[in-house]
Amino acid sequence: MPTRPIISSISTGVMVEFKGQIPDDMQADKGSGKTLGKTPTLILERLRKTPNQTISSLAEEISKSESAVQRAMLKLQAEGRLERVGGRKEGRWEVLDERNHE
């Protein structure tokens, strides 16, 4: 039987804490066949075609906020799927081959 969430006020807002086990059908797949969400997939598709795009142009193109695009790109970089080559003004994004980073 699920327990009620614990709601606490913290300095940056509200924290909701759930205790108990996560049902098997709701757990994230931790295997090697991990799929990306819509935003990261759209970003990688666009950057394969136009690697010198800016975060603001990507955000406009995929109808997301700049902060959402930036978060997704940071996650892609941490996962080894995306890399910045060169400087801020004259650099480009490189979509990395996933087979090299497994």
C-alpha atoms as a PDB file:
ATOM      1  CA  MET A   1       0.000   0.000   0.000  1.00  0.00           C
ATOM      2  CA  PRO A   2       1.503   3.372  -1.002  1.00  0.00           C
ATOM      3  CA  THR A   3       2.224   5.883   1.707  1.00  0.00           C
ATOM      4  CA  ARG A   4       1.251   9.521   1.594  1.00  0.00           C
ATOM      5  CA  PRO A   5       3.885  11.961   0.307  1.00  0.00           C
ATOM      6  CA  ILE A   6       5.806  14.112   2.789  1.00  0.00           C
ATOM      7  CA  ILE A   7       5.576  17.787   1.818  1.00  0.00           C
ATOM      8  CA  SER A   8       8.196  20.192   3.190  1.00  0.00           C
ATOM      9  CA  SER A   9       8.927  23.847   2.657  1.00  0.00           C
ATOM     10  CA  ILE A  10      12.544  24.555   1.649  1.00  0.00           C
ATOM     11  CA  SER A  11      14.349  27.795   0.804  1.00  0.00           C
ATOM     12  CA  THR A  12      13.866  27.345  -2.954  1.00  0.00           C
ATOM     13  CA  GLY A  13      10.275  26.135  -2.890  1.00  0.00           C
ATOM     14  CA  VAL A  14       8.529  22.928  -1.876  1.00  0.00           C
ATOM     15  CA  MET A  15       9.941  19.405  -1.636  1.00  0.00           C
ATOM     16  CA  VAL A  16       7.700  16.377  -2.069  1.00  0.00           C
ATOM     17  CA  GLU A  17       9.157  13.112  -0.793  1.00  0.00           C
ATOM     18  CA  PHE A  18       7.737   9.668  -1.508  1.00  0.00           C
ATOM     19  CA  LYS A  19       8.734   6.645   0.556  1.00  0.00           C
ATOM     20  CA  GLY A  20       8.429   3.037  -0.464  1.00  0.00           C
ATOM     21  CA  GLN A  21       9.299   0.870  -3.407  1.00  0.00           C
ATOM     22  CA  ILE A  22       8.894   1.912  -7.016  1.00  0.00           C
ATOM     23  CA  PRO A  23       6.804  -0.647  -8.949  1.00  0.00           C
ATOM     24  CA  ASP A  24       8.821  -2.551 -11.594  1.00  0.00           C
ATOM     25  CA  ASP A  25       6.764  -1.136 -14.467  1.00  0.00           C
ATOM     26  CA  MET A  26       7.627   2.432 -13.379  1.00  0.00           C
ATOM     27  CA  GLN A  27      11.391   2.009 -12.918  1.00  0.00           C
ATOM     28  CA  ALA A  28      13.774   3.540 -15.442  1.00  0.00           C
ATOM     29  CA  ASP A  29      15.522   1.207 -17.859  1.00  0.00           C
ATOM     30  CA  LYS A  30      19.147   1.075 -16.764  1.00  0.00           C
ATOM     31  CA  GLY A  31      20.317  -1.165 -19.602  1.00  0.00           C
ATOM     32  CA  SER A  32      22.476  -0.167 -22.544  1.00  0.00           C
ATOM     33  CA  GLY A  33      19.395   0.387 -24.704  1.00  0.00           C
ATOM     34  CA  LYS A  34      18.678   3.696 -23.006  1.00  0.00           C
ATOM     35  CA  THR A  35      16.582   6.039 -25.115  1.00  0.00           C
ATOM     36  CA  LEU A  36      16.674   9.811 -25.126  1.00  0.00           C
ATOM     37  CA  GLY A  37      13.710  12.067 -24.527  1.00  0.00           C
ATOM     38  CA  LYS A  38      12.183  14.256 -27.222  1.00  0.00           C
ATOM     39  CA  THR A  39      14.219  17.392 -26.517  1.00  0.00           C
ATOM     40  CA  PRO A  40      17.680  15.737 -26.542  1.00  0.00           C
ATOM     41  CA  THR A  41      16.765  13.756 -29.670  1.00  0.00           C
ATOM     42  CA  LEU A  42      15.632  16.909 -31.474  1.00  0.00           C
ATOM     43  CA  ILE A  43      18.799  18.714 -30.417  1.00  0.00           C
ATOM     44  CA  LEU A  44      21.064  15.948 -31.725  1.00  0.00           C
ATOM     45  CA  GLU A  45      19.164  15.789 -35.028  1.00  0.00           C
ATOM     46  CA  ARG A  46      19.490  19.548 -35.546  1.00  0.00           C
ATOM     47  CA  LEU A  47      23.167  19.667 -34.536  1.00  0.00           C
ATOM     48  CA  ARG A  48      24.056  16.825 -36.930  1.00  0.00           C
ATOM     49  CA  LYS A  49      22.724  19.010 -39.764  1.00  0.00           C
ATOM     50  CA  THR A  50      23.951  22.404 -38.498  1.00  0.00           C
ATOM     51  CA  PRO A  51      26.735  22.012 -35.899  1.00  0.00           C
ATOM     52  CA  ASN A  52      27.363  25.743 -35.458  1.00  0.00           C
ATOM     53  CA  GLN A  53      23.882  26.541 -34.117  1.00  0.00           C
ATOM     54  CA  THR A  54      23.477  28.564 -30.946  1.00  0.00           C
ATOM     55  CA  ILE A  55      21.374  27.546 -27.969  1.00  0.00           C
ATOM     56  CA  SER A  56      18.921  30.359 -28.692  1.00  0.00           C
ATOM     57  CA  SER A  57      18.479  29.332 -32.349  1.00  0.00           C
ATOM     58  CA  LEU A  58      17.993  25.690 -31.317  1.00  0.00           C
ATOM     59  CA  ALA A  59      15.445  26.713 -28.693  1.00  0.00           C
ATOM     60  CA  GLU A  60      13.479  28.705 -31.244  1.00  0.00           C
ATOM     61  CA  GLU A  61      13.664  25.935 -33.845  1.00  0.00           C
ATOM     62  CA  ILE A  62      12.350  23.211 -31.525  1.00  0.00           C
ATOM     63  CA  SER A  63       9.950  25.503 -29.614  1.00  0.00           C
ATOM     64  CA  LYS A  64      11.601  25.086 -26.216  1.00  0.00           C
ATOM     65  CA  SER A  65      13.024  27.576 -23.740  1.00  0.00           C
ATOM     66  CA  GLU A  66      16.736  28.345 -23.850  1.00  0.00           C
ATOM     67  CA  SER A  67      17.114  26.943 -20.333  1.00  0.00           C
ATOM     68  CA  ALA A  68      15.457  23.637 -21.364  1.00  0.00           C
ATOM     69  CA  VAL A  69      17.820  23.352 -24.343  1.00  0.00           C
ATOM     70  CA  GLN A  70      20.827  24.215 -22.188  1.00  0.00           C
ATOM     71  CA  ARG A  71      19.868  21.580 -19.568  1.00  0.00           C
ATOM     72  CA  ALA A  72      19.406  18.924 -22.251  1.00  0.00           C
ATOM     73  CA  MET A  73      22.740  19.815 -23.862  1.00  0.00           C
ATOM     74  CA  LEU A  74      24.564  19.648 -20.513  1.00  0.00           C
ATOM     75  CA  LYS A  75      23.070  16.204 -19.954  1.00  0.00           C
ATOM     76  CA  LEU A  76      24.126  15.095 -23.448  1.00  0.00           C
ATOM     77  CA  GLN A  77      27.660  16.348 -22.770  1.00  0.00           C
ATOM     78  CA  ALA A  78      27.797  14.495 -19.433  1.00  0.00           C
ATOM     79  CA  GLU A  79      26.652  11.300 -21.194  1.00  0.00           C
ATOM     80  CA  GLY A  80      29.390  11.680 -23.813  1.00  0.00           C
ATOM     81  CA  ARG A  81      26.965  12.189 -26.700  1.00  0.00           C
ATOM     82  CA  LEU A  82      27.778  15.831 -27.442  1.00  0.00           C
ATOM     83  CA  GLU A  83      30.960  17.885 -27.372  1.00  0.00           C
ATOM     84  CA  ARG A  84      31.819  21.522 -27.976  1.00  0.00           C
ATOM     85  CA  VAL A  85      34.767  21.977 -30.356  1.00  0.00           C
ATOM     86  CA  GLY A  86      36.388  25.420 -30.489  1.00  0.00           C
ATOM     87  CA  GLY A  87      35.455  28.680 -28.845  1.00  0.00           C
ATOM     88  CA  ARG A  88      32.115  30.251 -28.053  1.00  0.00           C
ATOM     89  CA  LYS A  89      31.939  32.431 -31.163  1.00  0.00           C
ATOM     90  CA  GLU A  90      33.609  30.331 -33.821  1.00  0.00           C
ATOM     91  CA  GLY A  91      33.144  26.864 -32.349  1.00  0.00           C
ATOM     92  CA  ARG A  92      30.731  24.115 -33.292  1.00  0.00           C
ATOM     93  CA  TRP A  93      28.919  21.204 -31.685  1.00  0.00           C
ATOM     94  CA  GLU A  94      29.991  17.658 -32.461  1.00  0.00           C
ATOM     95  CA  VAL A  95      27.525  14.809 -32.052  1.00  0.00           C
ATOM     96  CA  LEU A  96      29.606  11.852 -30.894  1.00  0.00           C
ATOM     97  CA  ASP A  97      29.225   8.291 -32.099  1.00  0.00           C
ATOM     98  CA  GLU A  98      27.461   6.435 -29.263  1.00  0.00           C
ATOM     99  CA  ARG A  99      29.332   3.184 -29.963  1.00  0.00           C
ATOM    100  CA  ASN A 100      32.595   4.824 -28.840  1.00  0.00           C
ATOM    101  CA  HIS A 101      31.137   5.807 -25.457  1.00  0.00           C
ATOM    102  CA  GLU A 102      29.437   2.664 -24.180  1.00  0.00           C
END
